[in-house]
Amino acid sequence: MEKYLRPIVITFLFELVGTIMFYSVLVFLHLYDSENFVFPNDPNEIGNMIRPYLGIITILSGILTVFFAWAIKMSDFKKSFDYKSINWHKVWIPIVGAFYYLLVFNFLSDAVRLPDFMTQTFNDVAKTATGVLAICIIGPICEELIFREAIIRCMLTNGATPKAAIITSSLLFAIAHGNPAQMFFAFFVGILFAMLFIKSGNIILSTIMHILNNSFSVIMMNFYHLEGENQHFPVGVDVVVILLCVYPAYRILRYYFYEQEQPAMADKKSASSCKRTKKQ
C-alpha cells in the first residue's frame, strides 16, 4: 500500500499547495488595498484578477512540493541530476524519438478536441515573464522531480514493478493538470517521460523534453498567435502529421529502450532514498 499511498499524497499536496497560494494572494491583495479591493462573486472575475500572479504561484507551489518530497525522503537529488550516467554520445537518439512521439500525441490530442477550460488562462499567463519562466523552465523541472523522481523512485523502492510505476505516475501527472484537453496528452507524454527516467536513472532527459515541449507551446502561441479557436490545426493536418511521425517514433524509441543495454533502474535495489516502511 505504501508504494501507492505516498504518490497519491504528494500529488494531492501539489494541488493543495497551489490552491492555498491562489487564495492567499487574494487575501494579501485585500489586506494590501482593502479600500479598493473587493472579493468578486463571479468565479471568472476572481480568475481574471489573480491571473497576473499565476506564474509566481506555479513556481512557488512547485518548489514547496519538491521540498516536501525531499523532506520525507521521496527524492534523491544527487541521482536526479547525475549527468555522468547519461551516454551523451547517443543522447540524440531518445531526443529525436521523443520529438516524434510528442508530435504524434500533440496532434492527436488536438484532433480529439476534448473540453478545454484553461486555454485563455494559459494564453494570458504565457504572456508574462513569470508565466514563461513557470511554464518553460521551473514548472517542468519541479514536475519531473515530483512525478518522475519522487513518485517512480519511491514506488520502485517499495516493491512496485516498473510498469506499475510508469502507469501510476503518468495517471497522477494527468490528473494534476485538471483540464480534460491536457489530461489526454499529459498521460501519454507522462509515459514517455517515465520511461526516459527509468532508462537513464535520472530526470535529465525527461526534463529536457519537458522544457522543449512547453517552450514550443509558448512560442506557437506568442509568435504564431495560435490561441482561442485558432489554436487547432485542420483535421487533415492532424492526420497527416500523425501518420508521418508515428512510425519514426516507434522505431527510434524501440531501438533506444529495447535494443540497447538494460534500463538503468531495472534493478529496483538501485533506486534508493525512499525507504520502505512496510514489508511487501
Protein backbone atom coordinates (compact mmCIF):
# COMPACT_ATOMS: atom_id res chain seq x y z
CA MET A 1 0.00 0.00 0.00
CA GLU A 2 2.91 2.33 0.75
CA LYS A 3 4.02 2.27 -2.85
CA TYR A 4 0.71 3.89 -3.90
CA LEU A 5 -0.08 5.97 -0.81
CA ARG A 6 2.87 8.36 -0.97
CA PRO A 7 2.47 9.11 -4.72
CA ILE A 8 -1.20 9.96 -4.16
CA VAL A 9 -0.37 12.10 -1.14
CA ILE A 10 2.35 14.08 -2.94
CA THR A 11 0.04 14.69 -5.94
CA PHE A 12 -2.75 15.86 -3.63
CA LEU A 13 -0.27 18.11 -1.84
CA PHE A 14 0.90 19.57 -5.18
CA GLU A 15 -2.70 20.60 -5.96
CA LEU A 16 -3.43 21.71 -2.40
CA VAL A 17 -0.40 24.00 -2.17
CA GLY A 18 -1.33 25.67 -5.45
CA THR A 19 -4.93 26.20 -4.28
CA ILE A 20 -3.86 27.61 -0.92
CA MET A 21 -1.45 30.02 -2.58
CA PHE A 22 -4.14 31.05 -5.06
CA TYR A 23 -6.47 32.20 -2.29
CA SER A 24 -3.61 33.53 -0.19
CA VAL A 25 -2.85 36.01 -2.97
CA LEU A 26 -6.48 37.16 -2.89
CA VAL A 27 -6.29 37.68 0.86
CA PHE A 28 -3.00 39.55 0.51
CA LEU A 29 -4.47 41.85 -2.15
CA HIS A 30 -7.42 42.53 0.11
CA LEU A 31 -5.21 43.35 3.10
CA TYR A 32 -2.83 45.44 0.99
CA ASP A 33 -5.56 47.56 -0.58
CA SER A 34 -8.73 46.94 1.38
CA GLU A 35 -10.38 50.15 0.22
CA ASN A 36 -10.25 49.38 -3.49
CA PHE A 37 -10.15 45.58 -3.45
CA VAL A 38 -13.47 43.76 -3.13
CA PHE A 39 -13.88 39.99 -3.41
CA PRO A 40 -15.94 39.39 -6.57
CA ASN A 41 -18.85 36.94 -6.51
CA ASP A 42 -18.23 35.72 -10.04
CA PRO A 43 -15.54 32.95 -10.21
CA ASN A 44 -14.49 34.23 -13.64
CA GLU A 45 -13.73 37.64 -12.17
CA ILE A 46 -11.61 36.02 -9.47
CA GLY A 47 -9.67 34.19 -12.18
CA ASN A 48 -9.12 37.40 -14.13
CA MET A 49 -7.96 39.19 -11.00
CA ILE A 50 -5.45 36.53 -9.98
CA ARG A 51 -4.16 35.71 -13.46
CA PRO A 52 -1.14 38.10 -13.37
CA TYR A 53 0.10 36.21 -10.30
CA LEU A 54 -0.39 32.66 -11.60
CA GLY A 55 3.20 32.39 -12.80
CA ILE A 56 4.70 33.06 -9.39
CA ILE A 57 2.03 30.85 -7.74
CA THR A 58 3.02 27.97 -10.02
CA ILE A 59 6.71 28.45 -9.30
CA LEU A 60 6.33 28.63 -5.53
CA SER A 61 3.86 25.74 -5.27
CA GLY A 62 6.15 23.52 -7.34
CA ILE A 63 9.23 24.38 -5.27
CA LEU A 64 7.39 23.83 -1.97
CA THR A 65 6.09 20.43 -3.10
CA VAL A 66 9.57 19.38 -4.25
CA PHE A 67 10.97 20.42 -0.87
CA PHE A 68 8.31 18.36 0.90
CA ALA A 69 9.09 15.31 -1.27
CA TRP A 70 12.75 15.70 -0.34
CA ALA A 71 11.91 16.15 3.38
CA ILE A 72 10.01 12.85 3.53
CA LYS A 73 12.81 11.12 1.58
CA MET A 74 10.90 10.51 -1.64
CA SER A 75 13.62 12.19 -3.72
CA ASP A 76 17.34 11.75 -4.18
CA PHE A 77 18.61 14.97 -5.74
CA LYS A 78 22.10 13.58 -6.29
CA LYS A 79 20.70 10.88 -8.57
CA SER A 80 18.12 13.22 -10.11
CA PHE A 81 20.79 15.21 -11.96
CA ASP A 82 23.53 12.60 -12.30
CA TYR A 83 24.72 13.72 -15.73
CA LYS A 84 27.62 11.24 -15.64
CA SER A 85 25.17 8.34 -16.07
CA ILE A 86 23.98 9.74 -19.42
CA ASN A 87 25.59 8.41 -22.59
CA TRP A 88 25.95 11.82 -24.22
CA HIS A 89 27.25 10.35 -27.49
CA LYS A 90 23.85 8.71 -28.04
CA VAL A 91 21.64 11.25 -26.32
CA TRP A 92 20.31 12.45 -29.68
CA ILE A 93 18.52 9.10 -30.15
CA PRO A 94 15.91 9.47 -27.38
CA ILE A 95 15.58 13.21 -28.02
CA VAL A 96 14.74 12.68 -31.71
CA GLY A 97 12.45 9.75 -30.89
CA ALA A 98 10.72 11.72 -28.14
CA PHE A 99 10.28 14.67 -30.52
CA TYR A 100 8.35 12.48 -32.97
CA TYR A 101 6.39 10.96 -30.08
CA LEU A 102 5.41 14.40 -28.76
CA LEU A 103 4.30 15.49 -32.22
CA VAL A 104 2.08 12.43 -32.58
CA PHE A 105 0.27 12.94 -29.30
CA ASN A 106 0.18 16.71 -29.60
CA PHE A 107 -1.65 16.48 -32.91
CA LEU A 108 -3.71 13.52 -31.70
CA SER A 109 -4.94 15.44 -28.66
CA ASP A 110 -5.64 18.37 -30.99
CA ALA A 111 -7.73 16.10 -33.24
CA VAL A 112 -9.70 14.65 -30.30
CA ARG A 113 -10.54 18.16 -29.07
CA LEU A 114 -11.64 17.44 -25.52
CA PRO A 115 -13.18 20.24 -23.41
CA ASP A 116 -10.59 22.89 -22.64
CA PHE A 117 -11.23 25.02 -19.56
CA MET A 118 -7.81 26.69 -19.37
CA THR A 119 -6.98 27.96 -22.86
CA GLN A 120 -7.43 31.62 -22.01
CA THR A 121 -5.60 31.22 -18.71
CA PHE A 122 -2.63 29.59 -20.41
CA ASN A 123 -2.56 32.30 -23.09
CA ASP A 124 -2.59 35.09 -20.52
CA VAL A 125 -0.02 33.50 -18.22
CA ALA A 126 2.33 32.77 -21.14
CA LYS A 127 2.47 36.49 -21.93
CA THR A 128 4.09 37.42 -18.61
CA ALA A 129 7.76 36.99 -17.66
CA THR A 130 6.99 34.92 -14.55
CA GLY A 131 4.46 32.91 -16.55
CA VAL A 132 7.01 31.99 -19.23
CA LEU A 133 9.54 31.09 -16.52
CA ALA A 134 6.95 28.92 -14.77
CA ILE A 135 5.71 27.15 -17.92
CA CYS A 136 9.02 26.69 -19.73
CA ILE A 137 11.64 26.20 -17.00
CA ILE A 138 10.69 25.96 -13.32
CA GLY A 139 7.40 24.11 -13.86
CA PRO A 140 8.92 21.27 -15.95
CA ILE A 141 11.83 20.84 -13.52
CA CYS A 142 9.53 20.69 -10.49
CA GLU A 143 7.08 18.35 -12.21
CA GLU A 144 9.87 15.98 -13.21
CA LEU A 145 11.20 16.00 -9.64
CA ILE A 146 7.71 15.22 -8.33
CA PHE A 147 6.11 12.88 -10.87
CA ARG A 148 9.19 11.05 -12.09
CA GLU A 149 11.96 11.34 -9.49
CA ALA A 150 9.87 11.26 -6.30
CA ILE A 151 6.93 9.07 -7.32
CA ILE A 152 8.66 6.50 -9.52
CA ARG A 153 11.77 6.12 -7.39
CA CYS A 154 9.65 5.75 -4.26
CA MET A 155 7.36 3.18 -5.91
CA LEU A 156 10.26 1.09 -7.17
CA THR A 157 11.94 1.03 -3.77
CA ASN A 158 8.67 -0.05 -2.18
CA GLY A 159 8.28 -3.07 -4.44
CA ALA A 160 6.31 -1.76 -7.42
CA THR A 161 7.11 -3.08 -10.89
CA PRO A 162 8.45 -0.57 -13.46
CA LYS A 163 5.22 -0.91 -15.45
CA ALA A 164 3.06 -0.10 -12.39
CA ALA A 165 5.28 2.86 -11.54
CA ILE A 166 5.08 4.21 -15.10
CA ILE A 167 1.29 3.92 -15.33
CA THR A 168 0.67 5.31 -11.83
CA SER A 169 2.97 8.30 -12.23
CA SER A 170 1.53 9.11 -15.67
CA LEU A 171 -2.05 8.87 -14.40
CA LEU A 172 -1.30 11.16 -11.45
CA PHE A 173 0.55 13.53 -13.78
CA ALA A 174 -2.55 13.73 -15.99
CA ILE A 175 -4.91 14.22 -13.06
CA ALA A 176 -2.73 17.02 -11.67
CA HIS A 177 -3.29 19.03 -14.86
CA GLY A 178 -7.03 19.17 -14.06
CA ASN A 179 -8.04 20.04 -17.63
CA PRO A 180 -9.58 17.39 -19.95
CA ALA A 181 -7.81 18.79 -23.02
CA GLN A 182 -4.45 18.47 -21.25
CA MET A 183 -5.10 15.18 -19.43
CA PHE A 184 -5.10 13.05 -22.58
CA PHE A 185 -1.79 14.48 -23.77
CA ALA A 186 -0.26 14.56 -20.27
CA PHE A 187 -0.95 10.86 -19.66
CA PHE A 188 0.81 9.60 -22.78
CA VAL A 189 3.63 12.12 -22.51
CA GLY A 190 3.97 11.09 -18.87
CA ILE A 191 4.55 7.51 -20.04
CA LEU A 192 7.37 8.68 -22.30
CA PHE A 193 8.98 10.81 -19.58
CA ALA A 194 8.67 7.95 -17.08
CA MET A 195 10.36 5.53 -19.49
CA LEU A 196 13.17 8.00 -20.10
CA PHE A 197 13.62 8.34 -16.35
CA ILE A 198 13.76 4.60 -15.72
CA LYS A 199 16.04 4.03 -18.69
CA SER A 200 18.56 6.72 -17.70
CA GLY A 201 18.17 6.60 -13.92
CA ASN A 202 17.69 10.37 -13.62
CA ILE A 203 15.43 13.18 -14.83
CA ILE A 204 17.84 14.93 -17.19
CA LEU A 205 16.43 13.59 -20.48
CA SER A 206 12.80 13.83 -19.42
CA THR A 207 13.35 17.38 -18.18
CA ILE A 208 14.98 18.41 -21.46
CA MET A 209 12.00 17.07 -23.43
CA HIS A 210 9.52 18.59 -20.98
CA ILE A 211 11.13 22.02 -21.31
CA LEU A 212 11.27 21.77 -25.11
CA ASN A 213 7.62 20.71 -25.32
CA ASN A 214 6.34 23.51 -23.09
CA SER A 215 8.57 26.09 -24.76
CA PHE A 216 7.27 25.03 -28.17
CA SER A 217 3.69 25.62 -26.98
CA VAL A 218 4.54 29.09 -25.68
CA ILE A 219 6.39 30.00 -28.89
CA MET A 220 3.49 28.86 -31.08
CA MET A 221 1.05 30.86 -29.00
CA ASN A 222 3.11 34.06 -28.70
CA PHE A 223 4.67 34.23 -32.17
CA TYR A 224 2.14 32.46 -34.35
CA HIS A 225 -0.92 33.53 -32.35
CA LEU A 226 -2.38 30.03 -32.10
CA GLU A 227 -4.82 30.87 -29.33
CA GLY A 228 -8.53 30.57 -28.67
CA GLU A 229 -10.39 28.99 -31.57
CA ASN A 230 -7.31 29.42 -33.79
CA GLN A 231 -5.17 27.07 -31.72
CA HIS A 232 -6.48 23.98 -33.54
CA PHE A 233 -4.99 22.76 -36.79
CA PRO A 234 -7.28 21.44 -39.56
CA VAL A 235 -8.16 17.77 -39.02
CA GLY A 236 -6.41 16.84 -42.26
CA VAL A 237 -3.15 18.33 -40.99
CA ASP A 238 -3.50 16.37 -37.75
CA VAL A 239 -3.98 13.09 -39.60
CA VAL A 240 -1.01 13.68 -41.96
CA VAL A 241 1.38 14.61 -39.14
CA ILE A 242 0.31 11.60 -37.06
CA LEU A 243 0.80 9.19 -39.97
CA LEU A 244 4.20 10.67 -40.83
CA CYS A 245 5.52 10.67 -37.26
CA VAL A 246 4.12 7.54 -35.61
CA TYR A 247 6.44 5.05 -37.32
CA PRO A 248 9.70 7.01 -36.81
CA ALA A 249 8.76 7.50 -33.15
CA TYR A 250 8.12 3.78 -32.75
CA ARG A 251 11.34 2.67 -34.44
CA ILE A 252 13.66 5.16 -32.73
CA LEU A 253 12.23 4.67 -29.25
CA ARG A 254 12.11 0.91 -29.66
CA TYR A 255 15.80 0.96 -30.51
CA TYR A 256 16.64 3.17 -27.53
CA PHE A 257 14.53 1.30 -24.97
CA TYR A 258 14.78 -2.31 -26.08
CA GLU A 259 17.76 -2.85 -28.38
CA GLN A 260 20.40 -1.17 -26.23
CA GLU A 261 21.58 -2.04 -22.73
CA GLN A 262 19.08 -2.72 -19.96
CA PRO A 263 17.36 0.23 -18.22
CA ALA A 264 19.41 1.87 -15.50
CA MET A 265 16.68 1.43 -12.92
CA ALA A 266 15.53 -2.05 -13.90
CA ASP A 267 17.13 -3.29 -10.68
CA LYS A 268 14.85 -1.94 -8.00
CA LYS A 269 17.59 -2.18 -5.39
CA SER A 270 19.50 0.57 -7.22
CA ALA A 271 16.66 3.01 -6.63
CA SER A 272 17.37 4.29 -3.13
CA SER A 273 16.27 7.15 -0.93
CA CYS A 274 12.59 6.36 -0.33
CA LYS A 275 12.96 3.77 2.40
CA ARG A 276 10.38 1.05 2.83
CA THR A 277 8.10 1.40 5.78
CA LYS A 278 6.35 -1.91 5.18
CA LYS A 279 7.42 -5.36 4.18
CA GLN A 280 5.97 -6.24 0.81
